[in-house]
Amino acid sequence: MHIKLSGFLLIVLFLSVTSCSKKHQPQTEIIVTDMPENTKTVAKKKTVRKVIHTPVPKVITVDDRAAQKSVDGRLYYDLEGNRYWKNFTDGRYYKFRQGLFDDPAFKPH
């Protein structure tokens, strides 16, 4: 019993000594290193990314099941921030323009 107790105390003492030595002490001082004067400063070039503009078509063909219906029964389809309205005479969708709603071809029959 005496040997087990002394072995246990020896292990606890060994672990406490080794665990205390592994603690990390943060550095409290700030060390500033000077850059050598003979190095040349190089200006960094800023990379310019080319913006790709996709052409916006004036007329598109869309399946009517993908289109949405407005309150007055007209069909429209939104594509890349542009709204296209259905022409009921030829079945195509035209980009919105002034006077579009006065045209009888855009009213449902």
PDB file of N, CA and C in Angstrom:
ATOM      1  N   MET A   1       0.825  -1.178   0.000  1.00  0.00           N
ATOM      2  CA  MET A   1       0.000   0.000   0.000  1.00  0.00           C
ATOM      3  C   MET A   1       0.872   1.246   0.000  1.00  0.00           C
ATOM      4  N   HIS A   2       1.958   1.161   0.755  1.00  0.00           N
ATOM      5  CA  HIS A   2       2.871   2.278   0.859  1.00  0.00           C
ATOM      6  C   HIS A   2       3.550   2.550  -0.488  1.00  0.00           C
ATOM      7  N   ILE A   3       3.829   1.509  -1.259  1.00  0.00           N
ATOM      8  CA  ILE A   3       4.488   1.650  -2.555  1.00  0.00           C
ATOM      9  C   ILE A   3       3.524   2.265  -3.567  1.00  0.00           C
ATOM     10  N   LYS A   4       2.248   1.876  -3.535  1.00  0.00           N
ATOM     11  CA  LYS A   4       1.260   2.441  -4.455  1.00  0.00           C
ATOM     12  C   LYS A   4       1.048   3.925  -4.175  1.00  0.00           C
ATOM     13  N   LEU A   5       1.016   4.306  -2.908  1.00  0.00           N
ATOM     14  CA  LEU A   5       0.814   5.705  -2.542  1.00  0.00           C
ATOM     15  C   LEU A   5       2.009   6.553  -2.937  1.00  0.00           C
ATOM     16  N   SER A   6       3.202   6.036  -2.715  1.00  0.00           N
ATOM     17  CA  SER A   6       4.395   6.791  -3.093  1.00  0.00           C
ATOM     18  C   SER A   6       4.516   6.872  -4.620  1.00  0.00           C
ATOM     19  N   GLY A   7       4.135   5.829  -5.342  1.00  0.00           N
ATOM     20  CA  GLY A   7       4.150   5.849  -6.812  1.00  0.00           C
ATOM     21  C   GLY A   7       3.141   6.863  -7.349  1.00  0.00           C
ATOM     22  N   PHE A   8       1.978   6.914  -6.750  1.00  0.00           N
ATOM     23  CA  PHE A   8       0.949   7.873  -7.153  1.00  0.00           C
ATOM     24  C   PHE A   8       1.415   9.304  -6.910  1.00  0.00           C
ATOM     25  N   LEU A   9       2.012   9.564  -5.761  1.00  0.00           N
ATOM     26  CA  LEU A   9       2.511  10.904  -5.438  1.00  0.00           C
ATOM     27  C   LEU A   9       3.661  11.296  -6.373  1.00  0.00           C
ATOM     28  N   LEU A  10       4.494  10.323  -6.720  1.00  0.00           N
ATOM     29  CA  LEU A  10       5.599  10.582  -7.634  1.00  0.00           C
ATOM     30  C   LEU A  10       5.085  10.961  -9.022  1.00  0.00           C
ATOM     31  N   ILE A  11       4.058  10.273  -9.492  1.00  0.00           N
ATOM     32  CA  ILE A  11       3.465  10.581 -10.799  1.00  0.00           C
ATOM     33  C   ILE A  11       2.806  11.957 -10.770  1.00  0.00           C
ATOM     34  N   VAL A  12       2.070  12.281  -9.710  1.00  0.00           N
ATOM     35  CA  VAL A  12       1.421  13.590  -9.599  1.00  0.00           C
ATOM     36  C   VAL A  12       2.458  14.694  -9.549  1.00  0.00           C
ATOM     37  N   LEU A  13       3.545  14.498  -8.814  1.00  0.00           N
ATOM     38  CA  LEU A  13       4.625  15.482  -8.728  1.00  0.00           C
ATOM     39  C   LEU A  13       5.293  15.660 -10.094  1.00  0.00           C
ATOM     40  N   PHE A  14       5.524  14.562 -10.804  1.00  0.00           N
ATOM     41  CA  PHE A  14       6.152  14.632 -12.127  1.00  0.00           C
ATOM     42  C   PHE A  14       5.255  15.386 -13.122  1.00  0.00           C
ATOM     43  N   LEU A  15       3.952  15.090 -13.116  1.00  0.00           N
ATOM     44  CA  LEU A  15       3.027  15.761 -14.027  1.00  0.00           C
ATOM     45  C   LEU A  15       2.894  17.247 -13.707  1.00  0.00           C
ATOM     46  N   SER A  16       2.875  17.604 -12.444  1.00  0.00           N
ATOM     47  CA  SER A  16       2.740  19.017 -12.086  1.00  0.00           C
ATOM     48  C   SER A  16       3.990  19.809 -12.462  1.00  0.00           C
ATOM     49  N   VAL A  17       5.160  19.205 -12.355  1.00  0.00           N
ATOM     50  CA  VAL A  17       6.401  19.898 -12.712  1.00  0.00           C
ATOM     51  C   VAL A  17       6.493  20.071 -14.225  1.00  0.00           C
ATOM     52  N   THR A  18       6.162  19.025 -14.986  1.00  0.00           N
ATOM     53  CA  THR A  18       6.277  19.115 -16.437  1.00  0.00           C
ATOM     54  C   THR A  18       5.175  19.982 -17.038  1.00  0.00           C
ATOM     55  N   SER A  19       3.990  19.978 -16.459  1.00  0.00           N
ATOM     56  CA  SER A  19       2.913  20.792 -17.023  1.00  0.00           C
ATOM     57  C   SER A  19       3.162  22.271 -16.755  1.00  0.00           C
ATOM     58  N   CYS A  20       3.782  22.621 -15.671  1.00  0.00           N
ATOM     59  CA  CYS A  20       4.079  24.015 -15.390  1.00  0.00           C
ATOM     60  C   CYS A  20       5.182  24.542 -16.300  1.00  0.00           C
ATOM     61  N   SER A  21       6.070  23.721 -16.732  1.00  0.00           N
ATOM     62  CA  SER A  21       7.157  24.191 -17.586  1.00  0.00           C
ATOM     63  C   SER A  21       6.701  24.422 -19.027  1.00  0.00           C
ATOM     64  N   LYS A  22       5.526  23.926 -19.422  1.00  0.00           N
ATOM     65  CA  LYS A  22       5.057  24.069 -20.792  1.00  0.00           C
ATOM     66  C   LYS A  22       4.137  25.274 -20.970  1.00  0.00           C
ATOM     67  N   LYS A  23       3.946  26.084 -19.956  1.00  0.00           N
ATOM     68  CA  LYS A  23       3.078  27.244 -20.087  1.00  0.00           C
ATOM     69  C   LYS A  23       3.742  28.276 -20.985  1.00  0.00           C
ATOM     70  N   HIS A  24       2.927  28.947 -21.736  1.00  0.00           N
ATOM     71  CA  HIS A  24       3.425  29.977 -22.642  1.00  0.00           C
ATOM     72  C   HIS A  24       3.244  31.327 -21.971  1.00  0.00           C
ATOM     73  N   GLN A  25       4.288  32.068 -21.868  1.00  0.00           N
ATOM     74  CA  GLN A  25       4.232  33.406 -21.301  1.00  0.00           C
ATOM     75  C   GLN A  25       4.229  34.404 -22.460  1.00  0.00           C
ATOM     76  N   PRO A  26       3.162  35.189 -22.627  1.00  0.00           N
ATOM     77  CA  PRO A  26       3.127  36.138 -23.736  1.00  0.00           C
ATOM     78  C   PRO A  26       4.143  37.255 -23.532  1.00  0.00           C
ATOM     79  N   GLN A  27       4.630  37.746 -24.635  1.00  0.00           N
ATOM     80  CA  GLN A  27       5.631  38.800 -24.577  1.00  0.00           C
ATOM     81  C   GLN A  27       4.933  40.121 -24.293  1.00  0.00           C
ATOM     82  N   THR A  28       5.412  40.857 -23.291  1.00  0.00           N
ATOM     83  CA  THR A  28       4.777  42.109 -22.910  1.00  0.00           C
ATOM     84  C   THR A  28       5.419  43.302 -23.593  1.00  0.00           C
ATOM     85  N   GLU A  29       6.642  43.175 -24.071  1.00  0.00           N
ATOM     86  CA  GLU A  29       7.318  44.276 -24.735  1.00  0.00           C
ATOM     87  C   GLU A  29       7.039  44.226 -26.232  1.00  0.00           C
ATOM     88  N   ILE A  30       7.015  45.387 -26.858  1.00  0.00           N
ATOM     89  CA  ILE A  30       6.860  45.460 -28.299  1.00  0.00           C
ATOM     90  C   ILE A  30       8.232  45.680 -28.897  1.00  0.00           C
ATOM     91  N   ILE A  31       8.620  44.784 -29.767  1.00  0.00           N
ATOM     92  CA  ILE A  31       9.936  44.877 -30.395  1.00  0.00           C
ATOM     93  C   ILE A  31       9.729  45.386 -31.811  1.00  0.00           C
ATOM     94  N   VAL A  32      10.357  46.510 -32.124  1.00  0.00           N
ATOM     95  CA  VAL A  32      10.257  47.095 -33.449  1.00  0.00           C
ATOM     96  C   VAL A  32      11.577  46.890 -34.155  1.00  0.00           C
ATOM     97  N   THR A  33      11.505  46.302 -35.306  1.00  0.00           N
ATOM     98  CA  THR A  33      12.727  46.103 -36.076  1.00  0.00           C
ATOM     99  C   THR A  33      12.747  47.132 -37.184  1.00  0.00           C
ATOM    100  N   ASP A  34      13.865  47.758 -37.383  1.00  0.00           N
ATOM    101  CA  ASP A  34      14.017  48.763 -38.430  1.00  0.00           C
ATOM    102  C   ASP A  34      14.312  48.067 -39.750  1.00  0.00           C
ATOM    103  N   MET A  35      13.735  48.621 -40.817  1.00  0.00           N
ATOM    104  CA  MET A  35      14.011  48.084 -42.138  1.00  0.00           C
ATOM    105  C   MET A  35      15.338  48.659 -42.623  1.00  0.00           C
ATOM    106  N   PRO A  36      16.107  47.897 -43.303  1.00  0.00           N
ATOM    107  CA  PRO A  36      17.355  48.430 -43.847  1.00  0.00           C
ATOM    108  C   PRO A  36      17.075  49.565 -44.831  1.00  0.00           C
ATOM    109  N   GLU A  37      17.918  50.559 -44.844  1.00  0.00           N
ATOM    110  CA  GLU A  37      17.695  51.732 -45.669  1.00  0.00           C
ATOM    111  C   GLU A  37      18.016  51.488 -47.143  1.00  0.00           C
ATOM    112  N   ASN A  38      18.750  50.470 -47.438  1.00  0.00           N
ATOM    113  CA  ASN A  38      19.154  50.261 -48.822  1.00  0.00           C
ATOM    114  C   ASN A  38      18.117  49.511 -49.646  1.00  0.00           C
ATOM    115  N   THR A  39      17.000  49.095 -49.069  1.00  0.00           N
ATOM    116  CA  THR A  39      15.965  48.409 -49.836  1.00  0.00           C
ATOM    117  C   THR A  39      15.111  49.446 -50.543  1.00  0.00           C
ATOM    118  N   LYS A  40      14.739  49.167 -51.770  1.00  0.00           N
ATOM    119  CA  LYS A  40      13.912  50.072 -52.558  1.00  0.00           C
ATOM    120  C   LYS A  40      12.447  49.699 -52.362  1.00  0.00           C
ATOM    121  N   THR A  41      11.625  50.704 -52.271  1.00  0.00           N
ATOM    122  CA  THR A  41      10.200  50.444 -52.145  1.00  0.00           C
ATOM    123  C   THR A  41       9.628  50.239 -53.535  1.00  0.00           C
ATOM    124  N   VAL A  42       8.887  49.206 -53.675  1.00  0.00           N
ATOM    125  CA  VAL A  42       8.292  48.855 -54.963  1.00  0.00           C
ATOM    126  C   VAL A  42       6.806  49.191 -54.895  1.00  0.00           C
ATOM    127  N   ALA A  43       6.344  49.976 -55.840  1.00  0.00           N
ATOM    128  CA  ALA A  43       4.929  50.331 -55.877  1.00  0.00           C
ATOM    129  C   ALA A  43       4.133  49.134 -56.387  1.00  0.00           C
ATOM    130  N   LYS A  44       3.103  48.794 -55.660  1.00  0.00           N
ATOM    131  CA  LYS A  44       2.270  47.668 -56.060  1.00  0.00           C
ATOM    132  C   LYS A  44       1.254  48.147 -57.084  1.00  0.00           C
ATOM    133  N   LYS A  45       1.115  47.387 -58.143  1.00  0.00           N
ATOM    134  CA  LYS A  45       0.136  47.719 -59.160  1.00  0.00           C
ATOM    135  C   LYS A  45      -1.201  47.096 -58.780  1.00  0.00           C
ATOM    136  N   LYS A  46      -2.216  47.897 -58.867  1.00  0.00           N
ATOM    137  CA  LYS A  46      -3.547  47.409 -58.554  1.00  0.00           C
ATOM    138  C   LYS A  46      -4.118  46.713 -59.779  1.00  0.00           C
ATOM    139  N   THR A  47      -4.602  45.507 -59.575  1.00  0.00           N
ATOM    140  CA  THR A  47      -5.151  44.760 -60.699  1.00  0.00           C
ATOM    141  C   THR A  47      -6.552  45.273 -61.002  1.00  0.00           C
ATOM    142  N   VAL A  48      -6.811  45.494 -62.250  1.00  0.00           N
ATOM    143  CA  VAL A  48      -8.108  45.982 -62.682  1.00  0.00           C
ATOM    144  C   VAL A  48      -8.821  44.837 -63.381  1.00  0.00           C
ATOM    145  N   ARG A  49      -9.974  44.510 -62.860  1.00  0.00           N
ATOM    146  CA  ARG A  49     -10.753  43.432 -63.466  1.00  0.00           C
ATOM    147  C   ARG A  49     -11.726  44.026 -64.469  1.00  0.00           C
ATOM    148  N   LYS A  50     -11.769  43.406 -65.610  1.00  0.00           N
ATOM    149  CA  LYS A  50     -12.633  43.878 -66.669  1.00  0.00           C
ATOM    150  C   LYS A  50     -14.063  43.420 -66.379  1.00  0.00           C
ATOM    151  N   VAL A  51     -14.988  44.362 -66.423  1.00  0.00           N
ATOM    152  CA  VAL A  51     -16.384  44.058 -66.177  1.00  0.00           C
ATOM    153  C   VAL A  51     -16.996  43.561 -67.483  1.00  0.00           C
ATOM    154  N   ILE A  52     -17.608  42.425 -67.410  1.00  0.00           N
ATOM    155  CA  ILE A  52     -18.215  41.826 -68.591  1.00  0.00           C
ATOM    156  C   ILE A  52     -19.680  42.266 -68.644  1.00  0.00           C
ATOM    157  N   HIS A  53     -20.009  42.993 -69.680  1.00  0.00           N
ATOM    158  CA  HIS A  53     -21.382  43.436 -69.866  1.00  0.00           C
ATOM    159  C   HIS A  53     -22.060  42.505 -70.860  1.00  0.00           C
ATOM    160  N   THR A  54     -23.109  41.860 -70.408  1.00  0.00           N
ATOM    161  CA  THR A  54     -23.853  40.998 -71.310  1.00  0.00           C
ATOM    162  C   THR A  54     -24.889  41.844 -72.034  1.00  0.00           C
ATOM    163  N   PRO A  55     -25.049  41.662 -73.320  1.00  0.00           N
ATOM    164  CA  PRO A  55     -26.033  42.462 -74.057  1.00  0.00           C
ATOM    165  C   PRO A  55     -27.448  42.081 -73.615  1.00  0.00           C
ATOM    166  N   VAL A  56     -28.285  43.099 -73.508  1.00  0.00           N
ATOM    167  CA  VAL A  56     -29.667  42.885 -73.092  1.00  0.00           C
ATOM    168  C   VAL A  56     -30.527  42.800 -74.343  1.00  0.00           C
ATOM    169  N   PRO A  57     -31.156  41.649 -74.599  1.00  0.00           N
ATOM    170  CA  PRO A  57     -31.975  41.534 -75.808  1.00  0.00           C
ATOM    171  C   PRO A  57     -33.287  42.306 -75.656  1.00  0.00           C
ATOM    172  N   LYS A  58     -33.807  42.774 -76.785  1.00  0.00           N
ATOM    173  CA  LYS A  58     -35.077  43.500 -76.756  1.00  0.00           C
ATOM    174  C   LYS A  58     -36.253  42.540 -76.844  1.00  0.00           C
ATOM    175  N   VAL A  59     -36.029  41.369 -77.445  1.00  0.00           N
ATOM    176  CA  VAL A  59     -37.099  40.379 -77.619  1.00  0.00           C
ATOM    177  C   VAL A  59     -36.577  39.025 -77.170  1.00  0.00           C
ATOM    178  N   ILE A  60     -37.374  38.314 -76.367  1.00  0.00           N
ATOM    179  CA  ILE A  60     -37.015  36.960 -75.932  1.00  0.00           C
ATOM    180  C   ILE A  60     -38.210  36.042 -76.141  1.00  0.00           C
ATOM    181  N   THR A  61     -37.941  34.762 -76.182  1.00  0.00           N
ATOM    182  CA  THR A  61     -38.990  33.754 -76.273  1.00  0.00           C
ATOM    183  C   THR A  61     -38.934  32.905 -75.015  1.00  0.00           C
ATOM    184  N   VAL A  62     -40.048  32.865 -74.300  1.00  0.00           N
ATOM    185  CA  VAL A  62     -40.126  32.172 -73.012  1.00  0.00           C
ATOM    186  C   VAL A  62     -41.363  31.294 -73.012  1.00  0.00           C
ATOM    187  N   ASP A  63     -41.251  30.157 -72.365  1.00  0.00           N
ATOM    188  CA  ASP A  63     -42.418  29.307 -72.181  1.00  0.00           C
ATOM    189  C   ASP A  63     -43.374  30.015 -71.216  1.00  0.00           C
ATOM    190  N   ASP A  64     -44.668  29.968 -71.515  1.00  0.00           N
ATOM    191  CA  ASP A  64     -45.645  30.679 -70.687  1.00  0.00           C
ATOM    192  C   ASP A  64     -45.748  30.119 -69.279  1.00  0.00           C
ATOM    193  N   ARG A  65     -45.319  28.882 -69.076  1.00  0.00           N
ATOM    194  CA  ARG A  65     -45.353  28.303 -67.726  1.00  0.00           C
ATOM    195  C   ARG A  65     -44.302  28.947 -66.825  1.00  0.00           C
ATOM    196  N   ALA A  66     -43.228  29.507 -67.412  1.00  0.00           N
ATOM    197  CA  ALA A  66     -42.189  30.166 -66.618  1.00  0.00           C
ATOM    198  C   ALA A  66     -42.540  31.617 -66.329  1.00  0.00           C
ATOM    199  N   ALA A  67     -43.462  32.185 -67.089  1.00  0.00           N
ATOM    200  CA  ALA A  67     -43.836  33.591 -66.916  1.00  0.00           C
ATOM    201  C   ALA A  67     -44.782  33.737 -65.734  1.00  0.00           C
ATOM    202  N   GLN A  68     -44.885  34.968 -65.254  1.00  0.00           N
ATOM    203  CA  GLN A  68     -45.799  35.282 -64.149  1.00  0.00           C
ATOM    204  C   GLN A  68     -46.934  36.138 -64.684  1.00  0.00           C
ATOM    205  N   LYS A  69     -48.051  36.117 -63.978  1.00  0.00           N
ATOM    206  CA  LYS A  69     -49.224  36.837 -64.437  1.00  0.00           C
ATOM    207  C   LYS A  69     -49.447  38.052 -63.543  1.00  0.00           C
ATOM    208  N   SER A  70     -49.702  39.198 -64.185  1.00  0.00           N
ATOM    209  CA  SER A  70     -49.973  40.414 -63.427  1.00  0.00           C
ATOM    210  C   SER A  70     -51.442  40.430 -63.013  1.00  0.00           C
ATOM    211  N   VAL A  71     -51.851  41.492 -62.314  1.00  0.00           N
ATOM    212  CA  VAL A  71     -53.218  41.586 -61.808  1.00  0.00           C
ATOM    213  C   VAL A  71     -54.231  41.668 -62.948  1.00  0.00           C
ATOM    214  N   ASP A  72     -53.871  42.388 -64.015  1.00  0.00           N
ATOM    215  CA  ASP A  72     -54.809  42.550 -65.125  1.00  0.00           C
ATOM    216  C   ASP A  72     -54.743  41.414 -66.141  1.00  0.00           C
ATOM    217  N   GLY A  73     -53.981  40.356 -65.895  1.00  0.00           N
ATOM    218  CA  GLY A  73     -53.958  39.176 -66.736  1.00  0.00           C
ATOM    219  C   GLY A  73     -52.824  39.139 -67.744  1.00  0.00           C
ATOM    220  N   ARG A  74     -51.976  40.147 -67.781  1.00  0.00           N
ATOM    221  CA  ARG A  74     -50.858  40.155 -68.720  1.00  0.00           C
ATOM    222  C   ARG A  74     -49.733  39.283 -68.191  1.00  0.00           C
ATOM    223  N   LEU A  75     -49.012  38.656 -69.104  1.00  0.00           N
ATOM    224  CA  LEU A  75     -47.889  37.805 -68.722  1.00  0.00           C
ATOM    225  C   LEU A  75     -46.591  38.593 -68.820  1.00  0.00           C
ATOM    226  N   TYR A  76     -45.699  38.381 -67.830  1.00  0.00           N
ATOM    227  CA  TYR A  76     -44.395  39.031 -67.853  1.00  0.00           C
ATOM    228  C   TYR A  76     -43.330  38.070 -67.365  1.00  0.00           C
ATOM    229  N   TYR A  77     -42.078  38.375 -67.720  1.00  0.00           N
ATOM    230  CA  TYR A  77     -40.941  37.552 -67.328  1.00  0.00           C
ATOM    231  C   TYR A  77     -39.789  38.482 -66.975  1.00  0.00           C
ATOM    232  N   ASP A  78     -39.151  38.260 -65.824  1.00  0.00           N
ATOM    233  CA  ASP A  78     -38.012  39.069 -65.388  1.00  0.00           C
ATOM    234  C   ASP A  78     -36.718  38.357 -65.738  1.00  0.00           C
ATOM    235  N   LEU A  79     -35.810  39.080 -66.405  1.00  0.00           N
ATOM    236  CA  LEU A  79     -34.528  38.524 -66.801  1.00  0.00           C
ATOM    237  C   LEU A  79     -33.447  39.563 -66.549  1.00  0.00           C
ATOM    238  N   GLU A  80     -32.521  39.270 -65.641  1.00  0.00           N
ATOM    239  CA  GLU A  80     -31.385  40.123 -65.308  1.00  0.00           C
ATOM    240  C   GLU A  80     -31.792  41.557 -65.004  1.00  0.00           C
ATOM    241  N   GLY A  81     -32.832  41.734 -64.226  1.00  0.00           N
ATOM    242  CA  GLY A  81     -33.266  43.065 -63.818  1.00  0.00           C
ATOM    243  C   GLY A  81     -34.129  43.780 -64.840  1.00  0.00           C
ATOM    244  N   ASN A  82     -34.467  43.147 -65.930  1.00  0.00           N
ATOM    245  CA  ASN A  82     -35.334  43.739 -66.950  1.00  0.00           C
ATOM    246  C   ASN A  82     -36.641  42.956 -67.004  1.00  0.00           C
ATOM    247  N   ARG A  83     -37.726  43.684 -67.200  1.00  0.00           N
ATOM    248  CA  ARG A  83     -39.031  43.025 -67.290  1.00  0.00           C
ATOM    249  C   ARG A  83     -39.488  42.987 -68.737  1.00  0.00           C
ATOM    250  N   TYR A  84     -39.897  41.801 -69.150  1.00  0.00           N
ATOM    251  CA  TYR A  84     -40.379  41.573 -70.504  1.00  0.00           C
ATOM    252  C   TYR A  84     -41.865  41.234 -70.436  1.00  0.00           C
ATOM    253  N   TRP A  85     -42.657  41.852 -71.328  1.00  0.00           N
ATOM    254  CA  TRP A  85     -44.100  41.636 -71.368  1.00  0.00           C
ATOM    255  C   TRP A  85     -44.456  40.857 -72.633  1.00  0.00           C
ATOM    256  N   LYS A  86     -45.472  39.995 -72.530  1.00  0.00           N
ATOM    257  CA  LYS A  86     -45.845  39.129 -73.646  1.00  0.00           C
ATOM    258  C   LYS A  86     -46.721  39.874 -74.651  1.00  0.00           C
ATOM    259  N   ASN A  87     -46.347  39.723 -75.925  1.00  0.00           N
ATOM    260  CA  ASN A  87     -47.166  40.183 -77.030  1.00  0.00           C
ATOM    261  C   ASN A  87     -48.031  38.990 -77.430  1.00  0.00           C
ATOM    262  N   PHE A  88     -49.340  39.140 -77.285  1.00  0.00           N
ATOM    263  CA  PHE A  88     -50.228  38.003 -77.502  1.00  0.00           C
ATOM    264  C   PHE A  88     -50.469  37.699 -78.977  1.00  0.00           C
ATOM    265  N   THR A  89     -50.077  38.591 -79.892  1.00  0.00           N
ATOM    266  CA  THR A  89     -50.264  38.293 -81.315  1.00  0.00           C
ATOM    267  C   THR A  89     -49.156  37.389 -81.847  1.00  0.00           C
ATOM    268  N   ASP A  90     -47.899  37.610 -81.439  1.00  0.00           N
ATOM    269  CA  ASP A  90     -46.818  36.758 -81.947  1.00  0.00           C
ATOM    270  C   ASP A  90     -46.233  35.830 -80.880  1.00  0.00           C
ATOM    271  N   GLY A  91     -46.618  35.967 -79.623  1.00  0.00           N
ATOM    272  CA  GLY A  91     -46.183  35.052 -78.565  1.00  0.00           C
ATOM    273  C   GLY A  91     -44.807  35.339 -77.993  1.00  0.00           C
ATOM    274  N   ARG A  92     -44.154  36.424 -78.395  1.00  0.00           N
ATOM    275  CA  ARG A  92     -42.836  36.766 -77.879  1.00  0.00           C
ATOM    276  C   ARG A  92     -42.954  37.744 -76.713  1.00  0.00           C
ATOM    277  N   TYR A  93     -41.861  37.852 -75.985  1.00  0.00           N
ATOM    278  CA  TYR A  93     -41.809  38.774 -74.847  1.00  0.00           C
ATOM    279  C   TYR A  93     -40.901  39.944 -75.224  1.00  0.00           C
ATOM    280  N   TYR A  94     -41.417  41.166 -75.041  1.00  0.00           N
ATOM    281  CA  TYR A  94     -40.693  42.375 -75.406  1.00  0.00           C
ATOM    282  C   TYR A  94     -40.306  43.148 -74.149  1.00  0.00           C
ATOM    283  N   LYS A  95     -39.118  43.768 -74.209  1.00  0.00           N
ATOM    284  CA  LYS A  95     -38.630  44.568 -73.089  1.00  0.00           C
ATOM    285  C   LYS A  95     -39.550  45.769 -72.901  1.00  0.00           C
ATOM    286  N   PHE A  96     -39.758  46.143 -71.642  1.00  0.00           N
ATOM    287  CA  PHE A  96     -40.677  47.230 -71.336  1.00  0.00           C
ATOM    288  C   PHE A  96     -40.203  48.537 -71.964  1.00  0.00           C
ATOM    289  N   ARG A  97     -41.157  49.282 -72.540  1.00  0.00           N
ATOM    290  CA  ARG A  97     -40.888  50.602 -73.099  1.00  0.00           C
ATOM    291  C   ARG A  97     -42.130  51.452 -72.880  1.00  0.00           C
ATOM    292  N   GLN A  98     -41.986  52.750 -73.060  1.00  0.00           N
ATOM    293  CA  GLN A  98     -43.126  53.647 -72.897  1.00  0.00           C
ATOM    294  C   GLN A  98     -44.161  53.357 -73.985  1.00  0.00           C
ATOM    295  N   GLY A  99     -45.412  53.400 -73.630  1.00  0.00           N
ATOM    296  CA  GLY A  99     -46.484  53.154 -74.589  1.00  0.00           C
ATOM    297  C   GLY A  99     -46.774  51.689 -74.819  1.00  0.00           C
ATOM    298  N   LEU A 100     -46.132  50.817 -74.076  1.00  0.00           N
ATOM    299  CA  LEU A 100     -46.323  49.380 -74.268  1.00  0.00           C
ATOM    300  C   LEU A 100     -47.733  48.962 -73.868  1.00  0.00           C
ATOM    301  N   PHE A 101     -48.269  49.572 -72.805  1.00  0.00           N
ATOM    302  CA  PHE A 101     -49.583  49.157 -72.326  1.00  0.00           C
ATOM    303  C   PHE A 101     -50.723  49.731 -73.164  1.00  0.00           C
ATOM    304  N   ASP A 102     -50.443  50.719 -73.996  1.00  0.00           N
ATOM    305  CA  ASP A 102     -51.480  51.246 -74.879  1.00  0.00           C
ATOM    306  C   ASP A 102     -51.666  50.372 -76.123  1.00  0.00           C
ATOM    307  N   ASP A 103     -50.682  49.541 -76.419  1.00  0.00           N
ATOM    308  CA  ASP A 103     -50.741  48.668 -77.600  1.00  0.00           C
ATOM    309  C   ASP A 103     -51.697  47.516 -77.311  1.00  0.00           C
ATOM    310  N   PRO A 104     -52.728  47.328 -78.174  1.00  0.00           N
ATOM    311  CA  PRO A 104     -53.690  46.234 -77.918  1.00  0.00           C
ATOM    312  C   PRO A 104     -53.099  44.831 -78.051  1.00  0.00           C
ATOM    313  N   ALA A 105     -51.934  44.691 -78.673  1.00  0.00           N
ATOM    314  CA  ALA A 105     -51.311  43.365 -78.814  1.00  0.00           C
ATOM    315  C   ALA A 105     -50.800  42.827 -77.482  1.00  0.00           C
ATOM    316  N   PHE A 106     -50.577  43.694 -76.505  1.00  0.00           N
ATOM    317  CA  PHE A 106     -50.066  43.264 -75.210  1.00  0.00           C
ATOM    318  C   PHE A 106     -51.170  42.978 -74.202  1.00  0.00           C
ATOM    319  N   LYS A 107     -52.425  43.173 -74.614  1.00  0.00           N
ATOM    320  CA  LYS A 107     -53.553  42.860 -73.733  1.00  0.00           C
ATOM    321  C   LYS A 107     -54.039  41.455 -74.047  1.00  0.00           C
ATOM    322  N   PRO A 108     -54.365  40.675 -73.025  1.00  0.00           N
ATOM    323  CA  PRO A 108     -54.830  39.307 -73.295  1.00  0.00           C
ATOM    324  C   PRO A 108     -56.165  39.300 -74.043  1.00  0.00           C
ATOM    325  N   HIS A 109     -56.314  38.391 -74.963  1.00  0.00           N
ATOM    326  CA  HIS A 109     -57.534  38.320 -75.794  1.00  0.00           C
ATOM    327  C   HIS A 109     -58.596  37.549 -75.079  1.00  0.00           C
TER     328      HIS A 109
END
